């Protein structure tokens, strides 16, 4: 789309004088004579005239100025074309060549190049550069962490000068050592001199679900079970999960209330309830490995509220259809 140039010449001589006079009672309360015969008002009118003249000049961008701007953006080796000398800036041929060199498509390309980071300073810089590597779906930057460390305690410890970039490869593509090496190679020339960059793949937390569904009348139970399993698996998917279908957010907990909300929106579901064992004891709606039991957060009554993740983790759903109980409809 074409760029709209701002109008810098939006104040006239009368506007500048009126603004200056309005400031006099607060700036110089002893100055009471605001008539044109006053020498101070004469100076204000003179400065207003000079200011208006300067704004008019600033607002006018000539072809020569435009050529200088384009040369600064394109680089020192850029030339408009053969056959044009410095004195030809006012010729019609020069203007046609200048318009051709800075078409709307060229302006868009230049703006995109300017927005592309070449230095990795902020978290967004690291993430954008990592995502520019082929086969990378998305990335997150965690400053002051060395996530290449095998010790879980050291991974959580703050390490000044270190930056970890966690990258998720595109679906059906594995985050191989070669891919991580290419990302590290792309970040190497952009990092600050004293920054140590670690590029790692996400760690996954396997989760399952145990839930009971009361279907509406005349609903096919097995088809409904398939829909429930598919909806949960998609919701927790690293690539297509979450409510926006853009992938589960990095390090975000999953809440049991969100699971109930998700399943209640399925057509044919009348009620969602916790599953129970043979003795009638209520079971947790979300299941994880016993070694990760500390991730389970409960309320005062002991009911499960959420399953927490670390900042470099994502969920790996393993939904067993046998754990989705579809009650008999009446």
C-alpha atoms as a PDB file:
ATOM      1  CA  UNK A   1       0.000   0.000   0.000  1.00  0.00           C
ATOM      2  CA  UNK A   2       1.292   3.550  -0.700  1.00  0.00           C
ATOM      3  CA  UNK A   3       2.908   5.506   2.100  1.00  0.00           C
ATOM      4  CA  UNK A   4       1.108   8.637   3.278  1.00  0.00           C
ATOM      5  CA  UNK A   5       3.556  11.442   3.932  1.00  0.00           C
ATOM      6  CA  UNK A   6       2.808  13.591   6.986  1.00  0.00           C
ATOM      7  CA  UNK A   7       1.973  17.284   6.545  1.00  0.00           C
ATOM      8  CA  UNK A   8       4.550  19.177   8.585  1.00  0.00           C
ATOM      9  CA  UNK A   9       3.339  22.596   7.465  1.00  0.00           C
ATOM     10  CA  UNK A  10       0.078  22.625   9.441  1.00  0.00           C
ATOM     11  CA  UNK A  11       0.480  25.919  11.375  1.00  0.00           C
ATOM     12  CA  UNK A  12       0.069  29.365   9.890  1.00  0.00           C
ATOM     13  CA  UNK A  13       1.443  32.732  11.036  1.00  0.00           C
ATOM     14  CA  UNK A  14      -1.807  33.615  12.834  1.00  0.00           C
ATOM     15  CA  UNK A  15      -1.858  30.254  14.623  1.00  0.00           C
ATOM     16  CA  UNK A  16       1.685  30.723  15.932  1.00  0.00           C
ATOM     17  CA  UNK A  17       0.940  34.241  17.193  1.00  0.00           C
ATOM     18  CA  UNK A  18      -2.283  33.146  18.900  1.00  0.00           C
ATOM     19  CA  UNK A  19      -0.490  30.275  20.634  1.00  0.00           C
ATOM     20  CA  UNK A  20       2.321  32.555  21.830  1.00  0.00           C
ATOM     21  CA  UNK A  21      -0.106  35.153  23.178  1.00  0.00           C
ATOM     22  CA  UNK A  22      -2.043  32.480  25.046  1.00  0.00           C
ATOM     23  CA  UNK A  23       1.153  31.489  26.875  1.00  0.00           C
ATOM     24  CA  UNK A  24       1.975  35.023  28.053  1.00  0.00           C
ATOM     25  CA  UNK A  25      -0.291  35.175  31.182  1.00  0.00           C
ATOM     26  CA  UNK A  26       1.328  32.022  32.579  1.00  0.00           C
ATOM     27  CA  UNK A  27       4.901  32.683  31.445  1.00  0.00           C
ATOM     28  CA  UNK A  28       5.071  36.468  31.960  1.00  0.00           C
ATOM     29  CA  UNK A  29       2.162  37.700  34.139  1.00  0.00           C
ATOM     30  CA  UNK A  30       3.697  41.220  34.371  1.00  0.00           C
ATOM     31  CA  UNK A  31       3.424  41.573  30.608  1.00  0.00           C
ATOM     32  CA  UNK A  32      -0.034  43.101  30.153  1.00  0.00           C
ATOM     33  CA  UNK A  33       0.220  44.992  26.851  1.00  0.00           C
ATOM     34  CA  UNK A  34      -0.516  42.450  24.115  1.00  0.00           C
ATOM     35  CA  UNK A  35      -1.236  45.011  21.360  1.00  0.00           C
ATOM     36  CA  UNK A  36       0.704  45.040  18.057  1.00  0.00           C
ATOM     37  CA  UNK A  37       2.349  48.300  19.133  1.00  0.00           C
ATOM     38  CA  UNK A  38       4.227  46.526  21.921  1.00  0.00           C
ATOM     39  CA  UNK A  39       7.862  45.704  20.971  1.00  0.00           C
ATOM     40  CA  UNK A  40       7.525  42.214  22.469  1.00  0.00           C
ATOM     41  CA  UNK A  41       4.520  41.458  20.262  1.00  0.00           C
ATOM     42  CA  UNK A  42       6.532  42.707  17.304  1.00  0.00           C
ATOM     43  CA  UNK A  43       9.262  40.148  18.127  1.00  0.00           C
ATOM     44  CA  UNK A  44       6.657  37.385  18.471  1.00  0.00           C
ATOM     45  CA  UNK A  45       5.298  38.256  15.029  1.00  0.00           C
ATOM     46  CA  UNK A  46       8.825  38.204  13.596  1.00  0.00           C
ATOM     47  CA  UNK A  47       9.614  34.792  15.103  1.00  0.00           C
ATOM     48  CA  UNK A  48       6.242  33.473  13.900  1.00  0.00           C
ATOM     49  CA  UNK A  49       7.134  34.567  10.366  1.00  0.00           C
ATOM     50  CA  UNK A  50      10.522  32.793  10.532  1.00  0.00           C
ATOM     51  CA  UNK A  51       8.966  29.661  12.034  1.00  0.00           C
ATOM     52  CA  UNK A  52       6.300  29.483   9.325  1.00  0.00           C
ATOM     53  CA  UNK A  53       8.978  29.850   6.671  1.00  0.00           C
ATOM     54  CA  UNK A  54      11.078  27.028   8.174  1.00  0.00           C
ATOM     55  CA  UNK A  55       8.077  24.693   8.421  1.00  0.00           C
ATOM     56  CA  UNK A  56       7.225  25.362   4.798  1.00  0.00           C
ATOM     57  CA  UNK A  57      10.742  24.417   3.757  1.00  0.00           C
ATOM     58  CA  UNK A  58      10.799  21.285   5.910  1.00  0.00           C
ATOM     59  CA  UNK A  59       7.485  20.138   4.450  1.00  0.00           C
ATOM     60  CA  UNK A  60       8.788  20.252   0.882  1.00  0.00           C
ATOM     61  CA  UNK A  61      10.748  17.111  -0.068  1.00  0.00           C
ATOM     62  CA  UNK A  62      12.365  17.590  -3.459  1.00  0.00           C
ATOM     63  CA  UNK A  63      13.373  14.896  -5.914  1.00  0.00           C
ATOM     64  CA  UNK A  64      16.992  15.427  -4.921  1.00  0.00           C
ATOM     65  CA  UNK A  65      16.115  14.883  -1.247  1.00  0.00           C
ATOM     66  CA  UNK A  66      14.096  11.803  -2.154  1.00  0.00           C
ATOM     67  CA  UNK A  67      17.064  10.422  -4.084  1.00  0.00           C
ATOM     68  CA  UNK A  68      19.295  10.899  -1.058  1.00  0.00           C
ATOM     69  CA  UNK A  69      16.804   9.049   1.172  1.00  0.00           C
ATOM     70  CA  UNK A  70      16.620   6.131  -1.253  1.00  0.00           C
ATOM     71  CA  UNK A  71      20.430   6.027  -1.510  1.00  0.00           C
ATOM     72  CA  UNK A  72      20.722   5.827   2.282  1.00  0.00           C
ATOM     73  CA  UNK A  73      18.261   2.933   2.400  1.00  0.00           C
ATOM     74  CA  UNK A  74      19.603   1.006  -0.617  1.00  0.00           C
ATOM     75  CA  UNK A  75      23.259   1.328   0.337  1.00  0.00           C
ATOM     76  CA  UNK A  76      26.339   3.161  -0.990  1.00  0.00           C
ATOM     77  CA  UNK A  77      26.626   0.981  -4.115  1.00  0.00           C
ATOM     78  CA  UNK A  78      23.099   1.721  -5.340  1.00  0.00           C
ATOM     79  CA  UNK A  79      22.729   3.807  -8.505  1.00  0.00           C
ATOM     80  CA  UNK A  80      19.539   5.149 -10.015  1.00  0.00           C
ATOM     81  CA  UNK A  81      20.581   4.318 -13.553  1.00  0.00           C
ATOM     82  CA  UNK A  82      23.027   5.099 -16.273  1.00  0.00           C
ATOM     83  CA  UNK A  83      22.988   8.418 -18.063  1.00  0.00           C
ATOM     84  CA  UNK A  84      21.921  10.567 -15.091  1.00  0.00           C
ATOM     85  CA  UNK A  85      24.236  13.174 -13.635  1.00  0.00           C
ATOM     86  CA  UNK A  86      23.829  15.087 -10.390  1.00  0.00           C
ATOM     87  CA  UNK A  87      22.440  18.083 -12.280  1.00  0.00           C
ATOM     88  CA  UNK A  88      19.638  16.097 -13.923  1.00  0.00           C
ATOM     89  CA  UNK A  89      17.410  15.881 -10.837  1.00  0.00           C
ATOM     90  CA  UNK A  90      14.854  18.282 -12.296  1.00  0.00           C
ATOM     91  CA  UNK A  91      14.548  16.626 -15.701  1.00  0.00           C
ATOM     92  CA  UNK A  92      11.370  14.640 -16.578  1.00  0.00           C
ATOM     93  CA  UNK A  93      13.440  11.562 -17.449  1.00  0.00           C
ATOM     94  CA  UNK A  94      15.044  11.634 -14.022  1.00  0.00           C
ATOM     95  CA  UNK A  95      11.659  11.775 -12.289  1.00  0.00           C
ATOM     96  CA  UNK A  96      10.343   8.848 -14.317  1.00  0.00           C
ATOM     97  CA  UNK A  97      13.402   6.767 -13.421  1.00  0.00           C
ATOM     98  CA  UNK A  98      13.043   7.774  -9.754  1.00  0.00           C
ATOM     99  CA  UNK A  99       9.379   6.683  -9.654  1.00  0.00           C
ATOM    100  CA  UNK A 100      10.294   3.383 -11.283  1.00  0.00           C
ATOM    101  CA  UNK A 101      13.066   2.769  -8.753  1.00  0.00           C
ATOM    102  CA  UNK A 102      10.810   3.389  -5.741  1.00  0.00           C
ATOM    103  CA  UNK A 103       7.554   1.755  -6.753  1.00  0.00           C
ATOM    104  CA  UNK A 104       5.084   0.686  -4.093  1.00  0.00           C
ATOM    105  CA  UNK A 105       6.433  -2.845  -4.263  1.00  0.00           C
ATOM    106  CA  UNK A 106       9.961  -1.555  -3.742  1.00  0.00           C
ATOM    107  CA  UNK A 107       8.815   0.581  -0.785  1.00  0.00           C
ATOM    108  CA  UNK A 108       7.209  -2.459   0.797  1.00  0.00           C
ATOM    109  CA  UNK A 109      10.363  -4.523   0.318  1.00  0.00           C
ATOM    110  CA  UNK A 110      12.498  -1.779   1.866  1.00  0.00           C
ATOM    111  CA  UNK A 111      10.174  -1.470   4.855  1.00  0.00           C
ATOM    112  CA  UNK A 112      10.189  -5.245   5.365  1.00  0.00           C
ATOM    113  CA  UNK A 113      13.991  -5.247   5.228  1.00  0.00           C
ATOM    114  CA  UNK A 114      14.150  -2.459   7.803  1.00  0.00           C
ATOM    115  CA  UNK A 115      11.844  -4.391  10.134  1.00  0.00           C
ATOM    116  CA  UNK A 116      13.916  -7.578   9.850  1.00  0.00           C
ATOM    117  CA  UNK A 117      16.335  -7.644  12.808  1.00  0.00           C
ATOM    118  CA  UNK A 118      20.040  -8.011  12.157  1.00  0.00           C
ATOM    119  CA  UNK A 119      21.034  -7.794  15.826  1.00  0.00           C
ATOM    120  CA  UNK A 120      19.687  -9.999  18.595  1.00  0.00           C
ATOM    121  CA  UNK A 121      19.223  -7.798  21.652  1.00  0.00           C
ATOM    122  CA  UNK A 122      15.640  -8.252  22.852  1.00  0.00           C
ATOM    123  CA  UNK A 123      13.649 -11.439  23.283  1.00  0.00           C
ATOM    124  CA  UNK A 124      11.662 -10.597  20.161  1.00  0.00           C
ATOM    125  CA  UNK A 125      14.884 -10.288  18.153  1.00  0.00           C
ATOM    126  CA  UNK A 126      16.002 -13.799  19.080  1.00  0.00           C
ATOM    127  CA  UNK A 127      12.575 -15.249  18.355  1.00  0.00           C
ATOM    128  CA  UNK A 128      12.225 -13.560  14.953  1.00  0.00           C
ATOM    129  CA  UNK A 129      15.696 -14.627  13.844  1.00  0.00           C
ATOM    130  CA  UNK A 130      15.086 -18.202  14.979  1.00  0.00           C
ATOM    131  CA  UNK A 131      11.755 -18.347  13.134  1.00  0.00           C
ATOM    132  CA  UNK A 132      13.438 -17.118   9.945  1.00  0.00           C
ATOM    133  CA  UNK A 133      15.271 -20.454   9.683  1.00  0.00           C
ATOM    134  CA  UNK A 134      13.417 -22.975   7.459  1.00  0.00           C
ATOM    135  CA  UNK A 135      11.380 -25.710   9.207  1.00  0.00           C
ATOM    136  CA  UNK A 136      10.939 -23.659  12.397  1.00  0.00           C
ATOM    137  CA  UNK A 137       7.322 -23.183  13.475  1.00  0.00           C
ATOM    138  CA  UNK A 138       7.791 -20.852  16.458  1.00  0.00           C
ATOM    139  CA  UNK A 139      10.285 -20.023  19.167  1.00  0.00           C
ATOM    140  CA  UNK A 140      10.530 -18.493  22.606  1.00  0.00           C
ATOM    141  CA  UNK A 141      13.513 -16.765  24.181  1.00  0.00           C
ATOM    142  CA  UNK A 142      14.278 -17.230  27.878  1.00  0.00           C
ATOM    143  CA  UNK A 143      16.992 -14.828  29.096  1.00  0.00           C
ATOM    144  CA  UNK A 144      19.495 -15.687  31.817  1.00  0.00           C
ATOM    145  CA  UNK A 145      18.954 -19.430  31.447  1.00  0.00           C
ATOM    146  CA  UNK A 146      21.143 -22.289  30.259  1.00  0.00           C
ATOM    147  CA  UNK A 147      18.590 -24.886  29.207  1.00  0.00           C
ATOM    148  CA  UNK A 148      21.265 -27.150  27.734  1.00  0.00           C
ATOM    149  CA  UNK A 149      22.182 -28.176  31.256  1.00  0.00           C
ATOM    150  CA  UNK A 150      21.013 -31.673  32.225  1.00  0.00           C
ATOM    151  CA  UNK A 151      20.493 -30.697  35.871  1.00  0.00           C
ATOM    152  CA  UNK A 152      16.919 -29.455  36.395  1.00  0.00           C
ATOM    153  CA  UNK A 153      17.971 -27.195  39.269  1.00  0.00           C
ATOM    154  CA  UNK A 154      20.689 -25.550  37.180  1.00  0.00           C
ATOM    155  CA  UNK A 155      18.255 -25.068  34.307  1.00  0.00           C
ATOM    156  CA  UNK A 156      16.071 -22.930  36.581  1.00  0.00           C
ATOM    157  CA  UNK A 157      18.991 -20.938  38.003  1.00  0.00           C
ATOM    158  CA  UNK A 158      19.639 -17.437  36.680  1.00  0.00           C
ATOM    159  CA  UNK A 159      22.853 -17.275  34.634  1.00  0.00           C
ATOM    160  CA  UNK A 160      23.803 -13.719  33.602  1.00  0.00           C
ATOM    161  CA  UNK A 161      24.988 -13.384  30.038  1.00  0.00           C
ATOM    162  CA  UNK A 162      23.257 -16.563  28.864  1.00  0.00           C
ATOM    163  CA  UNK A 163      20.197 -16.748  26.608  1.00  0.00           C
ATOM    164  CA  UNK A 164      18.240 -19.876  25.738  1.00  0.00           C
ATOM    165  CA  UNK A 165      16.107 -20.066  22.606  1.00  0.00           C
ATOM    166  CA  UNK A 166      13.554 -22.877  22.562  1.00  0.00           C
ATOM    167  CA  UNK A 167      12.411 -23.759  19.057  1.00  0.00           C
ATOM    168  CA  UNK A 168       9.461 -25.828  17.901  1.00  0.00           C
ATOM    169  CA  UNK A 169       9.990 -27.428  14.517  1.00  0.00           C
ATOM    170  CA  UNK A 170       7.203 -27.511  12.009  1.00  0.00           C
ATOM    171  CA  UNK A 171       4.697 -30.299  12.314  1.00  0.00           C
ATOM    172  CA  UNK A 172       6.019 -33.661  11.121  1.00  0.00           C
ATOM    173  CA  UNK A 173       9.585 -32.255  11.285  1.00  0.00           C
ATOM    174  CA  UNK A 174      11.935 -33.320  14.079  1.00  0.00           C
ATOM    175  CA  UNK A 175      14.165 -30.820  15.864  1.00  0.00           C
ATOM    176  CA  UNK A 176      17.362 -32.596  14.864  1.00  0.00           C
ATOM    177  CA  UNK A 177      20.850 -31.554  15.834  1.00  0.00           C
ATOM    178  CA  UNK A 178      21.339 -30.239  12.316  1.00  0.00           C
ATOM    179  CA  UNK A 179      18.296 -27.948  12.634  1.00  0.00           C
ATOM    180  CA  UNK A 180      19.403 -26.656  16.028  1.00  0.00           C
ATOM    181  CA  UNK A 181      22.888 -26.067  14.621  1.00  0.00           C
ATOM    182  CA  UNK A 182      21.462 -24.022  11.729  1.00  0.00           C
ATOM    183  CA  UNK A 183      19.490 -21.884  14.155  1.00  0.00           C
ATOM    184  CA  UNK A 184      22.549 -21.372  16.324  1.00  0.00           C
ATOM    185  CA  UNK A 185      24.519 -20.403  13.226  1.00  0.00           C
ATOM    186  CA  UNK A 186      21.844 -17.828  12.299  1.00  0.00           C
ATOM    187  CA  UNK A 187      21.946 -16.296  15.780  1.00  0.00           C
ATOM    188  CA  UNK A 188      25.729 -16.268  16.128  1.00  0.00           C
ATOM    189  CA  UNK A 189      26.507 -13.140  14.045  1.00  0.00           C
ATOM    190  CA  UNK A 190      23.537 -11.274  15.539  1.00  0.00           C
ATOM    191  CA  UNK A 191      24.237 -11.805  19.237  1.00  0.00           C
ATOM    192  CA  UNK A 192      26.026  -9.337  21.468  1.00  0.00           C
ATOM    193  CA  UNK A 193      29.697 -10.077  22.000  1.00  0.00           C
ATOM    194  CA  UNK A 194      29.371 -11.278  25.607  1.00  0.00           C
ATOM    195  CA  UNK A 195      26.115 -13.226  25.134  1.00  0.00           C
ATOM    196  CA  UNK A 196      26.175 -17.012  25.134  1.00  0.00           C
ATOM    197  CA  UNK A 197      23.270 -18.473  23.171  1.00  0.00           C
ATOM    198  CA  UNK A 198      21.795 -21.931  23.781  1.00  0.00           C
ATOM    199  CA  UNK A 199      19.369 -23.389  21.225  1.00  0.00           C
ATOM    200  CA  UNK A 200      17.269 -26.285  22.461  1.00  0.00           C
ATOM    201  CA  UNK A 201      14.122 -28.176  21.540  1.00  0.00           C
ATOM    202  CA  UNK A 202      11.102 -27.976  23.863  1.00  0.00           C
ATOM    203  CA  UNK A 203      10.615 -30.479  26.630  1.00  0.00           C
ATOM    204  CA  UNK A 204       7.265 -32.249  26.580  1.00  0.00           C
ATOM    205  CA  UNK A 205       4.952 -33.236  29.404  1.00  0.00           C
ATOM    206  CA  UNK A 206       2.699 -36.150  28.517  1.00  0.00           C
ATOM    207  CA  UNK A 207      -0.902 -35.703  29.650  1.00  0.00           C
ATOM    208  CA  UNK A 208      -4.021 -37.825  29.570  1.00  0.00           C
ATOM    209  CA  UNK A 209      -7.639 -37.160  30.442  1.00  0.00           C
ATOM    210  CA  UNK A 210     -10.256 -38.968  32.505  1.00  0.00           C
ATOM    211  CA  UNK A 211     -13.691 -37.471  32.080  1.00  0.00           C
ATOM    212  CA  UNK A 212     -17.371 -38.429  32.092  1.00  0.00           C
ATOM    213  CA  UNK A 213     -19.797 -37.123  29.473  1.00  0.00           C
ATOM    214  CA  UNK A 214     -23.581 -37.135  29.708  1.00  0.00           C
ATOM    215  CA  UNK A 215     -24.824 -37.007  26.101  1.00  0.00           C
ATOM    216  CA  UNK A 216     -28.008 -35.412  24.858  1.00  0.00           C
ATOM    217  CA  UNK A 217     -30.870 -37.543  23.574  1.00  0.00           C
ATOM    218  CA  UNK A 218     -30.405 -39.530  20.388  1.00  0.00           C
ATOM    219  CA  UNK A 219     -26.633 -38.888  20.203  1.00  0.00           C
ATOM    220  CA  UNK A 220     -24.348 -41.569  18.807  1.00  0.00           C
ATOM    221  CA  UNK A 221     -22.139 -42.398  21.791  1.00  0.00           C
ATOM    222  CA  UNK A 222     -19.051 -43.692  19.954  1.00  0.00           C
ATOM    223  CA  UNK A 223     -19.084 -40.796  17.520  1.00  0.00           C
ATOM    224  CA  UNK A 224     -19.350 -38.400  20.445  1.00  0.00           C
ATOM    225  CA  UNK A 225     -16.410 -40.120  22.148  1.00  0.00           C
ATOM    226  CA  UNK A 226     -14.317 -39.630  19.013  1.00  0.00           C
ATOM    227  CA  UNK A 227     -15.221 -35.942  18.941  1.00  0.00           C
ATOM    228  CA  UNK A 228     -14.245 -35.505  22.603  1.00  0.00           C
ATOM    229  CA  UNK A 229     -10.890 -37.241  22.110  1.00  0.00           C
ATOM    230  CA  UNK A 230     -10.124 -35.226  18.972  1.00  0.00           C
ATOM    231  CA  UNK A 231     -11.130 -31.908  20.579  1.00  0.00           C
ATOM    232  CA  UNK A 232      -8.902 -32.465  23.639  1.00  0.00           C
ATOM    233  CA  UNK A 233      -5.937 -33.673  21.555  1.00  0.00           C
ATOM    234  CA  UNK A 234      -6.218 -30.660  19.266  1.00  0.00           C
ATOM    235  CA  UNK A 235      -6.627 -28.232  22.170  1.00  0.00           C
ATOM    236  CA  UNK A 236      -3.343 -29.379  23.762  1.00  0.00           C
ATOM    237  CA  UNK A 237      -1.450 -29.741  20.483  1.00  0.00           C
ATOM    238  CA  UNK A 238       1.828 -27.732  20.305  1.00  0.00           C
ATOM    239  CA  UNK A 239       1.151 -26.708  16.687  1.00  0.00           C
ATOM    240  CA  UNK A 240      -2.634 -26.405  16.458  1.00  0.00           C
ATOM    241  CA  UNK A 241      -3.680 -26.058  20.065  1.00  0.00           C
ATOM    242  CA  UNK A 242      -5.188 -23.407  22.314  1.00  0.00           C
ATOM    243  CA  UNK A 243      -8.339 -21.435  21.543  1.00  0.00           C
ATOM    244  CA  UNK A 244      -6.727 -19.556  18.626  1.00  0.00           C
ATOM    245  CA  UNK A 245      -5.502 -22.806  17.004  1.00  0.00           C
ATOM    246  CA  UNK A 246      -1.966 -21.368  16.753  1.00  0.00           C
ATOM    247  CA  UNK A 247      -0.361 -23.794  19.171  1.00  0.00           C
ATOM    248  CA  UNK A 248      -0.344 -24.227  22.914  1.00  0.00           C
ATOM    249  CA  UNK A 249       1.335 -21.202  24.561  1.00  0.00           C
ATOM    250  CA  UNK A 250       4.839 -21.777  25.867  1.00  0.00           C
ATOM    251  CA  UNK A 251       4.900 -22.774  29.529  1.00  0.00           C
ATOM    252  CA  UNK A 252       1.199 -22.137  30.105  1.00  0.00           C
ATOM    253  CA  UNK A 253      -0.734 -24.271  32.559  1.00  0.00           C
ATOM    254  CA  UNK A 254      -3.839 -26.120  31.518  1.00  0.00           C
ATOM    255  CA  UNK A 255      -6.814 -25.534  33.807  1.00  0.00           C
ATOM    256  CA  UNK A 256      -9.524 -28.060  34.495  1.00  0.00           C
ATOM    257  CA  UNK A 257     -12.127 -25.308  34.046  1.00  0.00           C
ATOM    258  CA  UNK A 258     -10.881 -24.775  30.471  1.00  0.00           C
ATOM    259  CA  UNK A 259     -11.300 -28.488  29.811  1.00  0.00           C
ATOM    260  CA  UNK A 260     -14.911 -28.339  30.994  1.00  0.00           C
ATOM    261  CA  UNK A 261     -15.532 -25.226  28.861  1.00  0.00           C
ATOM    262  CA  UNK A 262     -14.012 -26.895  25.808  1.00  0.00           C
ATOM    263  CA  UNK A 263     -16.094 -30.065  26.076  1.00  0.00           C
ATOM    264  CA  UNK A 264     -19.337 -28.280  26.934  1.00  0.00           C
ATOM    265  CA  UNK A 265     -19.172 -26.527  23.547  1.00  0.00           C
ATOM    266  CA  UNK A 266     -19.348 -29.837  21.649  1.00  0.00           C
ATOM    267  CA  UNK A 267     -22.720 -30.386  20.095  1.00  0.00           C
ATOM    268  CA  UNK A 268     -24.439 -33.337  21.715  1.00  0.00           C
ATOM    269  CA  UNK A 269     -22.786 -32.912  25.149  1.00  0.00           C
ATOM    270  CA  UNK A 270     -25.376 -32.331  27.844  1.00  0.00           C
ATOM    271  CA  UNK A 271     -23.108 -32.371  30.890  1.00  0.00           C
ATOM    272  CA  UNK A 272     -19.420 -32.836  31.738  1.00  0.00           C
ATOM    273  CA  UNK A 273     -18.449 -34.418  35.057  1.00  0.00           C
ATOM    274  CA  UNK A 274     -15.389 -35.992  36.703  1.00  0.00           C
ATOM    275  CA  UNK A 275     -14.885 -39.702  36.164  1.00  0.00           C
ATOM    276  CA  UNK A 276     -15.103 -42.058  39.170  1.00  0.00           C
ATOM    277  CA  UNK A 277     -13.500 -45.400  39.964  1.00  0.00           C
ATOM    278  CA  UNK A 278     -15.292 -48.620  40.870  1.00  0.00           C
ATOM    279  CA  UNK A 279     -15.711 -47.423  44.465  1.00  0.00           C
ATOM    280  CA  UNK A 280     -17.233 -44.105  43.416  1.00  0.00           C
ATOM    281  CA  UNK A 281     -14.130 -42.042  44.262  1.00  0.00           C
ATOM    282  CA  UNK A 282     -13.688 -38.991  42.072  1.00  0.00           C
ATOM    283  CA  UNK A 283     -10.634 -39.158  39.769  1.00  0.00           C
ATOM    284  CA  UNK A 284      -8.464 -36.311  38.551  1.00  0.00           C
ATOM    285  CA  UNK A 285      -9.593 -35.012  35.182  1.00  0.00           C
ATOM    286  CA  UNK A 286      -5.982 -34.682  33.931  1.00  0.00           C
ATOM    287  CA  UNK A 287      -3.384 -37.443  34.291  1.00  0.00           C
ATOM    288  CA  UNK A 288       0.411 -37.050  34.159  1.00  0.00           C
ATOM    289  CA  UNK A 289       3.378 -39.219  35.060  1.00  0.00           C
ATOM    290  CA  UNK A 290       3.775 -39.912  38.795  1.00  0.00           C
ATOM    291  CA  UNK A 291       7.265 -38.363  38.761  1.00  0.00           C
ATOM    292  CA  UNK A 292       5.646 -35.028  37.810  1.00  0.00           C
ATOM    293  CA  UNK A 293       3.063 -35.033  40.577  1.00  0.00           C
ATOM    294  CA  UNK A 294       4.386 -31.678  41.824  1.00  0.00           C
ATOM    295  CA  UNK A 295       2.909 -30.072  38.697  1.00  0.00           C
ATOM    296  CA  UNK A 296      -0.618 -30.801  39.922  1.00  0.00           C
ATOM    297  CA  UNK A 297      -2.158 -27.772  41.650  1.00  0.00           C
ATOM    298  CA  UNK A 298      -5.178 -28.360  43.860  1.00  0.00           C
ATOM    299  CA  UNK A 299      -7.706 -26.177  45.671  1.00  0.00           C
ATOM    300  CA  UNK A 300      -8.606 -26.265  49.351  1.00  0.00           C
ATOM    301  CA  UNK A 301     -10.974 -29.183  48.841  1.00  0.00           C
ATOM    302  CA  UNK A 302      -8.260 -31.263  47.154  1.00  0.00           C
ATOM    303  CA  UNK A 303      -9.785 -31.075  43.696  1.00  0.00           C
ATOM    304  CA  UNK A 304      -7.416 -30.617  40.765  1.00  0.00           C
ATOM    305  CA  UNK A 305      -7.319 -27.080  39.363  1.00  0.00           C
ATOM    306  CA  UNK A 306      -4.383 -26.985  36.952  1.00  0.00           C
ATOM    307  CA  UNK A 307      -1.309 -28.721  35.603  1.00  0.00           C
ATOM    308  CA  UNK A 308       1.699 -26.383  35.472  1.00  0.00           C
ATOM    309  CA  UNK A 309       4.459 -26.196  32.867  1.00  0.00           C
ATOM    310  CA  UNK A 310       7.956 -24.750  32.870  1.00  0.00           C
ATOM    311  CA  UNK A 311       8.730 -21.929  30.461  1.00  0.00           C
ATOM    312  CA  UNK A 312      10.405 -24.240  27.926  1.00  0.00           C
ATOM    313  CA  UNK A 313       7.757 -26.978  28.054  1.00  0.00           C
ATOM    314  CA  UNK A 314       4.734 -27.950  25.980  1.00  0.00           C
ATOM    315  CA  UNK A 315       2.093 -30.624  26.355  1.00  0.00           C
ATOM    316  CA  UNK A 316       2.169 -33.946  24.536  1.00  0.00           C
ATOM    317  CA  UNK A 317      -1.412 -35.245  24.683  1.00  0.00           C
ATOM    318  CA  UNK A 318      -2.042 -38.985  24.988  1.00  0.00           C
ATOM    319  CA  UNK A 319      -5.809 -39.274  25.114  1.00  0.00           C
ATOM    320  CA  UNK A 320      -7.043 -42.814  25.711  1.00  0.00           C
ATOM    321  CA  UNK A 321     -10.629 -43.202  24.451  1.00  0.00           C
ATOM    322  CA  UNK A 322     -11.237 -45.747  27.198  1.00  0.00           C
ATOM    323  CA  UNK A 323     -10.849 -42.947  29.789  1.00  0.00           C
ATOM    324  CA  UNK A 324     -13.687 -40.945  28.202  1.00  0.00           C
ATOM    325  CA  UNK A 325     -16.827 -42.342  29.779  1.00  0.00           C
ATOM    326  CA  UNK A 326     -20.008 -41.712  27.803  1.00  0.00           C
ATOM    327  CA  UNK A 327     -23.027 -42.276  30.058  1.00  0.00           C
ATOM    328  CA  UNK A 328     -26.150 -43.921  28.719  1.00  0.00           C
ATOM    329  CA  UNK A 329     -28.622 -41.387  27.351  1.00  0.00           C
ATOM    330  CA  UNK A 330     -32.245 -41.503  28.375  1.00  0.00           C
END
